Protein backbone atom coordinates (compact mmCIF):
# COMPACT_ATOMS: atom_id res chain seq x y z
CA UNK A 1 -14.83 -15.22 11.46
CA UNK A 2 -13.87 -17.90 9.52
CA UNK A 3 -13.97 -21.42 11.17
CA UNK A 4 -11.00 -24.13 11.20
CA UNK A 5 -13.10 -25.92 8.64
CA UNK A 6 -13.25 -22.89 6.08
CA UNK A 7 -9.53 -22.35 7.00
CA UNK A 8 -8.57 -25.88 5.75
CA UNK A 9 -10.54 -25.57 2.61
CA UNK A 10 -8.80 -22.46 1.61
CA UNK A 11 -5.55 -24.38 1.44
CA UNK A 12 -5.25 -26.73 -1.37
CA UNK A 13 -1.95 -28.81 -1.57
CA UNK A 14 -3.14 -30.17 -4.99
CA UNK A 15 -2.25 -26.57 -6.54
CA UNK A 16 0.85 -26.78 -8.32
CA UNK A 17 3.49 -24.24 -7.52
CA UNK A 18 4.97 -21.76 -10.07
CA UNK A 19 8.70 -21.53 -10.24
CA UNK A 20 9.85 -18.27 -8.25
CA UNK A 21 12.64 -17.82 -10.62
CA UNK A 22 10.13 -16.95 -13.34
CA UNK A 23 8.66 -14.10 -11.45
CA UNK A 24 9.79 -10.74 -12.83
CA UNK A 25 11.78 -8.43 -10.69
CA UNK A 26 12.73 -4.69 -10.42
CA UNK A 27 16.51 -4.01 -9.88
CA UNK A 28 17.06 -1.67 -6.98
CA UNK A 29 20.04 0.78 -6.81
CA UNK A 30 21.91 -1.82 -4.83
CA UNK A 31 21.59 -4.36 -7.52
CA UNK A 32 19.24 -6.32 -5.36
CA UNK A 33 16.18 -7.74 -7.30
CA UNK A 34 12.68 -6.96 -5.80
CA UNK A 35 10.09 -9.31 -7.11
CA UNK A 36 7.17 -7.40 -8.85
CA UNK A 37 4.63 -9.52 -7.03
CA UNK A 38 4.33 -8.99 -3.35
CA UNK A 39 2.10 -11.30 -1.26
CA UNK A 40 0.13 -8.86 1.09
CA UNK A 41 -0.42 -9.63 4.76
CA UNK A 42 -2.96 -7.02 5.44
CA UNK A 43 -5.89 -9.30 6.79
CA UNK A 44 -8.86 -7.21 6.91
CA UNK A 45 -10.74 -8.61 9.98
CA UNK A 46 -11.98 -11.62 8.40
CA UNK A 47 -8.70 -13.06 7.66
CA UNK A 48 -6.55 -12.52 10.60
CA UNK A 49 -6.48 -16.21 11.78
CA UNK A 50 -5.75 -17.49 8.45
CA UNK A 51 -2.55 -15.41 7.74
CA UNK A 52 -0.01 -17.78 9.04
CA UNK A 53 -0.93 -20.86 7.08
CA UNK A 54 -1.70 -18.68 3.94
CA UNK A 55 1.84 -17.01 4.00
CA UNK A 56 3.50 -20.49 4.06
CA UNK A 57 1.14 -21.66 1.20
CA UNK A 58 2.01 -18.44 -0.54
CA UNK A 59 5.46 -19.40 -0.25
CA UNK A 60 5.16 -22.95 -1.34
CA UNK A 61 3.38 -21.64 -4.31
CA UNK A 62 6.17 -19.39 -5.56
CA UNK A 63 5.80 -16.09 -3.91
CA UNK A 64 9.16 -14.66 -2.61
CA UNK A 65 8.27 -10.91 -1.80
CA UNK A 66 6.30 -10.77 1.17
CA UNK A 67 4.70 -7.34 2.32
CA UNK A 68 4.38 -6.80 5.95
CA UNK A 69 3.54 -3.92 8.39
CA UNK A 70 3.54 -3.31 12.22
CA UNK A 71 -0.11 -1.79 11.90
CA UNK A 72 -1.18 -5.25 10.63
CA UNK A 73 -0.82 -6.69 14.09
CA UNK A 74 0.37 -10.04 12.93
CA UNK A 75 4.02 -9.76 12.48
CA UNK A 76 4.80 -12.45 14.85
CA UNK A 77 2.54 -14.87 13.03
CA UNK A 78 4.23 -14.09 9.68
CA UNK A 79 7.65 -14.78 11.43
CA UNK A 80 6.15 -18.13 12.46
CA UNK A 81 5.30 -18.87 8.86
CA UNK A 82 8.70 -18.08 7.55
CA UNK A 83 10.02 -20.60 10.11
CA UNK A 84 7.40 -23.16 9.07
CA UNK A 85 8.35 -22.61 5.52
CA UNK A 86 12.02 -23.18 6.33
CA UNK A 87 11.20 -26.28 8.31
CA UNK A 88 8.93 -27.79 5.44
CA UNK A 89 12.09 -27.15 3.12
CA UNK A 90 10.01 -24.67 1.03
CA UNK A 91 13.01 -22.06 1.42
CA UNK A 92 16.48 -22.65 2.64
CA UNK A 93 16.14 -19.23 5.03
CA UNK A 94 14.67 -15.81 4.87
CA UNK A 95 17.54 -14.89 2.56
CA UNK A 96 15.36 -16.69 -0.14
CA UNK A 97 12.62 -13.89 0.39
CA UNK A 98 12.42 -10.39 -0.16
CA UNK A 99 10.66 -8.90 2.86
CA UNK A 100 9.13 -5.47 3.14
CA UNK A 101 7.96 -4.09 6.50
CA UNK A 102 6.83 -0.54 7.45
CA UNK A 103 6.99 1.94 10.31
CA UNK A 104 3.61 2.64 11.67
CA UNK A 105 2.58 6.22 12.21
CA UNK A 106 2.46 5.68 16.09
CA UNK A 107 6.40 4.99 15.80
CA UNK A 108 7.31 7.95 13.91
CA UNK A 109 8.47 10.24 17.13
CA UNK A 110 12.46 9.61 16.78
CA UNK A 111 12.87 7.92 20.07
CA UNK A 112 10.25 5.20 18.85
CA UNK A 113 11.88 4.39 15.60
CA UNK A 114 14.62 2.19 16.30
CA UNK A 115 12.51 0.14 18.97
CA UNK A 116 9.55 -0.45 16.41
CA UNK A 117 12.15 -1.85 14.19
CA UNK A 118 13.53 -3.99 16.52
CA UNK A 119 10.18 -5.29 17.50
CA UNK A 120 9.82 -5.91 13.61
CA UNK A 121 12.92 -7.79 13.33
CA UNK A 122 12.57 -9.96 16.26
CA UNK A 123 8.91 -10.85 15.55
CA UNK A 124 10.04 -11.82 11.70
CA UNK A 125 12.94 -13.47 12.74
CA UNK A 126 15.26 -11.38 10.85
CA UNK A 127 18.51 -9.67 11.43
CA UNK A 128 17.79 -7.07 8.68
CA UNK A 129 14.93 -6.02 6.49
CA UNK A 130 15.18 -5.98 2.68
CA UNK A 131 12.85 -2.89 2.47
CA UNK A 132 11.19 -0.66 5.11
CA UNK A 133 8.70 1.71 4.32
CA UNK A 134 7.52 4.74 6.07
CA UNK A 135 3.93 3.77 6.21
CA UNK A 136 2.14 7.26 6.08
CA UNK A 137 3.61 10.76 5.90
CA UNK A 138 2.39 11.98 9.16
CA UNK A 139 2.02 10.49 12.67
CA UNK A 140 -1.71 10.39 12.78
CA UNK A 141 -2.97 7.10 14.44
CA UNK A 142 -6.44 5.41 14.62
CA UNK A 143 -7.76 2.78 16.92
CA UNK A 144 -7.56 -0.74 15.30
CA UNK A 145 -10.70 -1.57 13.74
CA UNK A 146 -12.26 1.86 14.04
CA UNK A 147 -15.35 2.96 12.24
CA UNK A 148 -14.93 5.75 9.33
CA UNK A 149 -16.01 8.29 11.50
CA UNK A 150 -13.17 7.92 14.05
CA UNK A 151 -11.07 11.07 14.41
CA UNK A 152 -7.95 11.88 16.47
CA UNK A 153 -8.03 15.46 17.77
CA UNK A 154 -4.15 15.26 18.01
CA UNK A 155 -3.53 14.57 14.20
CA UNK A 156 -1.60 16.85 12.06
CA UNK A 157 -0.88 17.55 8.45
CA UNK A 158 2.56 16.75 6.93
CA UNK A 159 5.31 18.98 8.64
CA UNK A 160 8.46 18.36 6.87
CA UNK A 161 11.02 19.18 9.58
CA UNK A 162 9.29 16.70 11.72
CA UNK A 163 9.28 13.97 9.11
CA UNK A 164 12.89 14.62 8.46
CA UNK A 165 13.69 13.83 12.14
CA UNK A 166 12.09 10.32 11.63
CA UNK A 167 13.62 9.76 8.31
CA UNK A 168 17.08 10.76 10.09
CA UNK A 169 16.54 8.03 12.40
CA UNK A 170 15.72 5.34 9.53
CA UNK A 171 18.93 6.39 7.94
CA UNK A 172 20.78 5.66 10.94
CA UNK A 173 19.34 2.29 10.95
CA UNK A 174 20.29 1.61 7.46
CA UNK A 175 23.71 2.58 8.02
CA UNK A 176 23.86 0.30 11.05
CA UNK A 177 22.83 -2.60 8.65
CA UNK A 178 19.28 -3.16 9.95
CA UNK A 179 17.72 -2.07 6.71
CA UNK A 180 18.87 -2.58 3.13
CA UNK A 181 16.71 -0.34 1.32
CA UNK A 182 14.60 2.67 2.51
CA UNK A 183 11.22 3.37 1.01
CA UNK A 184 7.87 5.30 1.48
CA UNK A 185 4.30 4.55 1.37
CA UNK A 186 1.43 7.10 0.69
CA UNK A 187 3.55 9.90 -0.22
CA UNK A 188 2.36 12.79 -2.44
CA UNK A 189 4.06 14.95 -4.91
CA UNK A 190 4.79 17.70 -2.67
CA UNK A 191 6.00 15.54 0.41
CA UNK A 192 8.16 13.49 -1.91
CA UNK A 193 9.66 16.55 -3.41
CA UNK A 194 10.66 17.83 -0.11
CA UNK A 195 11.93 14.55 1.12
CA UNK A 196 14.45 14.35 -2.36
CA UNK A 197 15.42 17.84 -1.82
CA UNK A 198 16.91 17.24 1.66
CA UNK A 199 18.50 13.91 1.45
CA UNK A 200 21.85 12.74 0.09
CA UNK A 201 21.94 10.12 -2.64
CA UNK A 202 22.43 7.07 -0.37
CA UNK A 203 19.49 8.19 1.97
CA UNK A 204 16.70 8.39 -0.86
CA UNK A 205 13.65 6.19 -1.07
CA UNK A 206 14.03 3.39 -3.60
CA UNK A 207 10.49 2.67 -3.65
CA UNK A 208 6.78 4.06 -2.92
CA UNK A 209 3.96 2.05 -2.34
CA UNK A 210 0.62 3.62 -3.22
CA UNK A 211 -2.85 2.97 -4.43
CA UNK A 212 -2.84 1.74 -7.96
CA UNK A 213 -5.43 -0.13 -9.85
CA UNK A 214 -7.25 0.27 -13.49
CA UNK A 215 -9.83 2.68 -12.25
CA UNK A 216 -7.49 4.75 -10.14
CA UNK A 217 -4.13 4.73 -12.27
CA UNK A 218 -2.19 7.82 -10.86
CA UNK A 219 -0.17 7.91 -14.00
CA UNK A 220 1.09 11.63 -13.47
CA UNK A 221 2.43 10.63 -9.96
CA UNK A 222 4.03 7.47 -10.61
CA UNK A 223 5.73 9.23 -13.50
CA UNK A 224 7.18 11.73 -11.34
CA UNK A 225 8.33 9.10 -8.85
CA UNK A 226 9.87 6.79 -11.52
CA UNK A 227 11.61 9.87 -13.10
CA UNK A 228 13.59 10.04 -9.77
CA UNK A 229 14.42 6.33 -9.68
CA UNK A 230 11.56 5.42 -7.31
CA UNK A 231 9.67 2.27 -8.01
CA UNK A 232 5.99 2.10 -7.51
CA UNK A 233 4.40 -0.82 -5.77
CA UNK A 234 0.53 -0.63 -6.18
CA UNK A 235 -1.80 -1.77 -3.28
CA UNK A 236 -5.54 -2.43 -3.90
CA UNK A 237 -4.27 -3.68 -7.18
CA UNK A 238 -7.54 -5.42 -7.91
CA UNK A 239 -9.64 -3.05 -5.92
CA UNK A 240 -9.55 -4.77 -2.65
CA UNK A 241 -13.08 -6.21 -2.70
CA UNK A 242 -12.91 -7.49 0.82
CA UNK A 243 -11.60 -4.01 2.23
CA UNK A 244 -12.71 -2.81 5.61
CA UNK A 245 -16.25 -1.18 5.71
CA UNK A 246 -14.71 2.15 6.85
CA UNK A 247 -13.07 2.30 3.44
CA UNK A 248 -16.04 1.24 1.44
CA UNK A 249 -18.28 4.10 0.07
CA UNK A 250 -21.27 4.36 -2.36
CA UNK A 251 -19.41 6.35 -4.65
CA UNK A 252 -16.80 3.45 -5.33
CA UNK A 253 -16.69 1.27 -8.50
CA UNK A 254 -15.47 -2.00 -8.69
CA UNK A 255 -12.45 -2.76 -10.97
CA UNK A 256 -13.36 -6.22 -11.23
CA UNK A 257 -16.78 -5.54 -12.54
CA UNK A 258 -15.70 -2.90 -14.93
CA UNK A 259 -16.88 -3.75 -18.70
CA UNK A 260 -13.63 -3.23 -20.22
CA UNK A 261 -11.89 -5.50 -17.52
CA UNK A 262 -14.62 -8.07 -17.95
CA UNK A 263 -14.40 -8.11 -21.77
CA UNK A 264 -10.81 -8.51 -21.78
CA UNK A 265 -10.74 -11.24 -19.30
CA UNK A 266 -13.51 -13.14 -21.34
CA UNK A 267 -11.49 -12.75 -24.57
CA UNK A 268 -8.48 -14.13 -22.78
CA UNK A 269 -10.10 -16.78 -20.72
CA UNK A 270 -8.68 -15.43 -17.67
CA UNK A 271 -10.05 -13.83 -14.48
CA UNK A 272 -10.77 -9.97 -14.18
CA UNK A 273 -8.25 -10.05 -11.25
CA UNK A 274 -5.51 -11.40 -13.64
CA UNK A 275 -6.55 -8.75 -16.17
CA UNK A 276 -5.72 -6.15 -13.43
CA UNK A 277 -2.62 -7.58 -11.98
CA UNK A 278 -1.22 -7.94 -15.74
CA UNK A 279 -1.95 -4.27 -16.20
CA UNK A 280 -0.16 -3.59 -12.98
CA UNK A 281 3.02 -5.35 -14.15
CA UNK A 282 3.07 -4.44 -17.82
CA UNK A 283 2.40 -0.84 -17.68
CA UNK A 284 4.97 2.00 -18.14
CA UNK A 285 7.45 -0.41 -19.39
CA UNK A 286 7.42 -3.18 -16.77
CA UNK A 287 8.61 -0.70 -14.16
CA UNK A 288 6.52 -1.32 -11.33
CA UNK A 289 4.66 -4.22 -9.23
CA UNK A 290 1.70 -4.96 -7.26
CA UNK A 291 0.59 -6.04 -3.76
CA UNK A 292 -2.05 -8.66 -3.66
CA UNK A 293 -3.44 -10.68 -0.86
CA UNK A 294 -5.70 -13.74 -0.78
CA UNK A 295 -5.82 -16.84 1.58
CA UNK A 296 -7.08 -19.25 -1.09
CA UNK A 297 -4.27 -21.72 -2.88
CA UNK A 298 -5.83 -21.60 -6.41
CA UNK A 299 -6.14 -17.62 -6.15
CA UNK A 300 -2.64 -17.29 -5.07
CA UNK A 301 -1.40 -19.13 -8.17
CA UNK A 302 -3.74 -17.09 -10.32
CA UNK A 303 -2.51 -13.73 -8.82
CA UNK A 304 1.26 -14.76 -9.39
CA UNK A 305 0.96 -15.83 -12.95
CA UNK A 306 0.59 -12.26 -14.45
CA UNK A 307 4.12 -11.65 -12.90
CA UNK A 308 5.70 -14.23 -14.90
CA UNK A 309 4.53 -13.67 -18.41
CA UNK A 310 2.65 -10.85 -20.24
CA UNK A 311 -1.02 -12.00 -20.50
CA UNK A 312 -2.29 -8.72 -22.09
CA UNK A 313 -1.47 -7.40 -25.63
CA UNK A 314 -0.53 -3.77 -26.43
CA UNK A 315 -4.35 -3.42 -27.56
CA UNK A 316 -5.39 -4.77 -24.36
CA UNK A 317 -3.18 -2.36 -22.54
CA UNK A 318 -4.40 0.61 -24.67
CA UNK A 319 -7.97 -0.27 -23.78
CA UNK A 320 -7.29 -0.06 -20.08
CA UNK A 321 -4.60 3.03 -20.11
CA UNK A 322 -5.77 5.07 -22.95
CA UNK A 323 -3.63 7.38 -24.86
CA UNK A 324 -5.35 10.65 -24.20
CA UNK A 325 -7.49 10.48 -27.42
CA UNK A 326 -11.18 10.32 -27.93
CA UNK A 327 -10.72 7.01 -29.75
CA UNK A 328 -8.83 5.52 -26.84
CA UNK A 329 -9.89 7.38 -23.34
CA UNK A 330 -9.00 4.26 -21.09
CA UNK A 331 -10.84 3.45 -17.79
CA UNK A 332 -9.22 5.48 -15.40
CA UNK A 333 -11.98 7.12 -13.08
CA UNK A 334 -10.08 8.70 -10.23
CA UNK A 335 -11.66 6.15 -8.14
CA UNK A 336 -9.71 6.36 -5.14
CA UNK A 337 -10.71 3.65 -2.65
CA UNK A 338 -8.74 4.71 0.49
CA UNK A 339 -10.03 8.01 1.46
CA UNK A 340 -7.75 8.06 4.75
CA UNK A 341 -10.66 10.03 6.41
CA UNK A 342 -9.55 8.34 9.90
CA UNK A 343 -6.34 10.31 9.61
CA UNK A 344 -7.88 13.88 9.16
CA UNK A 345 -6.57 16.66 11.20
CA UNK A 346 -8.78 19.48 12.54
CA UNK A 347 -7.92 21.87 9.81
CA UNK A 348 -8.70 19.76 7.12
CA UNK A 349 -12.43 20.31 8.35
CA UNK A 350 -13.45 16.90 7.45
CA UNK A 351 -12.53 16.88 3.52
CA UNK A 352 -10.41 13.54 3.04
CA UNK A 353 -9.09 14.96 -0.29
CA UNK A 354 -6.79 17.52 1.81
CA UNK A 355 -4.78 14.33 2.63
CA UNK A 356 -3.94 13.88 -1.10
CA UNK A 357 -4.12 17.44 -2.69
CA UNK A 358 -0.95 18.91 -1.19
CA UNK A 359 -3.03 21.99 -0.05
CA UNK A 360 -1.83 21.69 3.57
CA UNK A 361 1.92 20.93 3.61
CA UNK A 362 4.19 22.56 6.02
CA UNK A 363 7.99 23.07 6.18
CA UNK A 364 8.04 23.77 9.98
CA UNK A 365 6.16 23.23 13.00
CA UNK A 366 6.25 27.04 13.45
CA UNK A 367 4.34 27.53 10.07
CA UNK A 368 1.73 24.85 11.03
CA UNK A 369 1.22 26.66 14.19
CA UNK A 370 0.57 30.01 12.46
CA UNK A 371 -1.98 28.46 10.18
CA UNK A 372 -3.49 26.81 13.00
CA UNK A 373 -3.85 30.22 14.89
CA UNK A 374 -5.42 31.72 11.64
CA UNK A 375 -7.80 28.79 11.07
CA UNK A 376 -8.97 28.69 14.58
CA UNK A 377 -9.97 32.34 14.09
CA UNK A 378 -11.63 31.88 10.83
CA UNK A 379 -13.53 28.92 12.01
CA UNK A 380 -14.94 30.83 14.90
CA UNK A 381 -16.26 33.47 12.89
CA UNK A 382 -17.58 31.05 10.22
CA UNK A 383 -19.77 29.24 13.03
CA UNK A 384 -20.84 32.46 14.37
CA UNK A 385 -21.97 34.10 11.34
CA UNK A 386 -23.11 31.62 8.75
CA UNK A 387 -26.64 30.22 8.57
CA UNK A 388 -26.78 26.46 9.11
CA UNK A 389 -28.41 24.57 6.48
CA UNK A 390 -31.52 22.79 7.12
CA UNK A 391 -31.38 19.26 7.94
CA UNK A 392 -32.24 16.90 5.01
CA UNK A 393 -35.56 15.25 5.47
CA UNK A 394 -35.35 11.48 6.61
CA UNK A 395 -36.32 9.20 3.60
CA UNK A 396 -38.43 6.41 4.52
CA UNK A 397 -38.40 3.16 2.26
């Protein structure tokens, strides 16, 4: 836990702000402009006590897109940060900000959607929210701060008819003026295709938040979404080196330590993090953006600079992205950092990849019930007839 002293050291009033008007933006279908750089308020466990003051400081330094979520358990603190920023004269009102919020999995039952949004609006001090995302495609929940082996026996896969009940409630809130734009987060190709099939033009998501960073580029999926007019905002944009332990595995590689990223940073005399964020803004014709979180003033300013000017040349971009040729392979390593294993349902059989590969996506609850029954029978036979593997010997060091 950070001490008050270390908290004070992270905020440096001598750091000069950037002009918010210099930050690039994406124009949404309503004509409203969404800044491509979003200040993230996901705290991990180490930063929760710092988020109010850090958010005020981010606003002071020029951030105008603030990314929040009910699951982060700090909306009241972020709302107080907005009031403090207004009192300090940093902004005139929350109308000067673009605020993103998220409907948590545990509130996806139709009866819970409106109360969840009302709680978010109340805590943030808003009458309406600029962008409201459905946080995950299914209603699976986990205990706050849980370990990676946590499992909820009631977890289920994506069931489209259930999701559309949730989306229908969100549409009602948009029509009531509580939400300006609707969006999704962590949607896959199949779940997005089903959603777009069944909504009208004014009910479509305008943005999808997804894991995107140089070692996990998701180029094909992002291209599919953007062809549908859905802007993509990347989280884990620099690999989130301080992410929770449950999301850290030995297979993971560090974007910030990648030799190509390090080499470009050295060539340009910028930080590896700025290389990653510049790539996020400049790729695919400046069509997307990023979410980044830090509690240090100096780093907040550094992270915002790539959203104001092109730091990378076409040659630098080619080294990171590649073009499919042996000469320019790029550095994409399919290095997904958020496996989502705490959301697994029983029929996923412990394989986190099933969350993402669209192999268990169902149109109706009846279809899922049939699958579940068949899987249960198969699993019983499997356990009765297969020979268990011998336990691996314990290694002593």
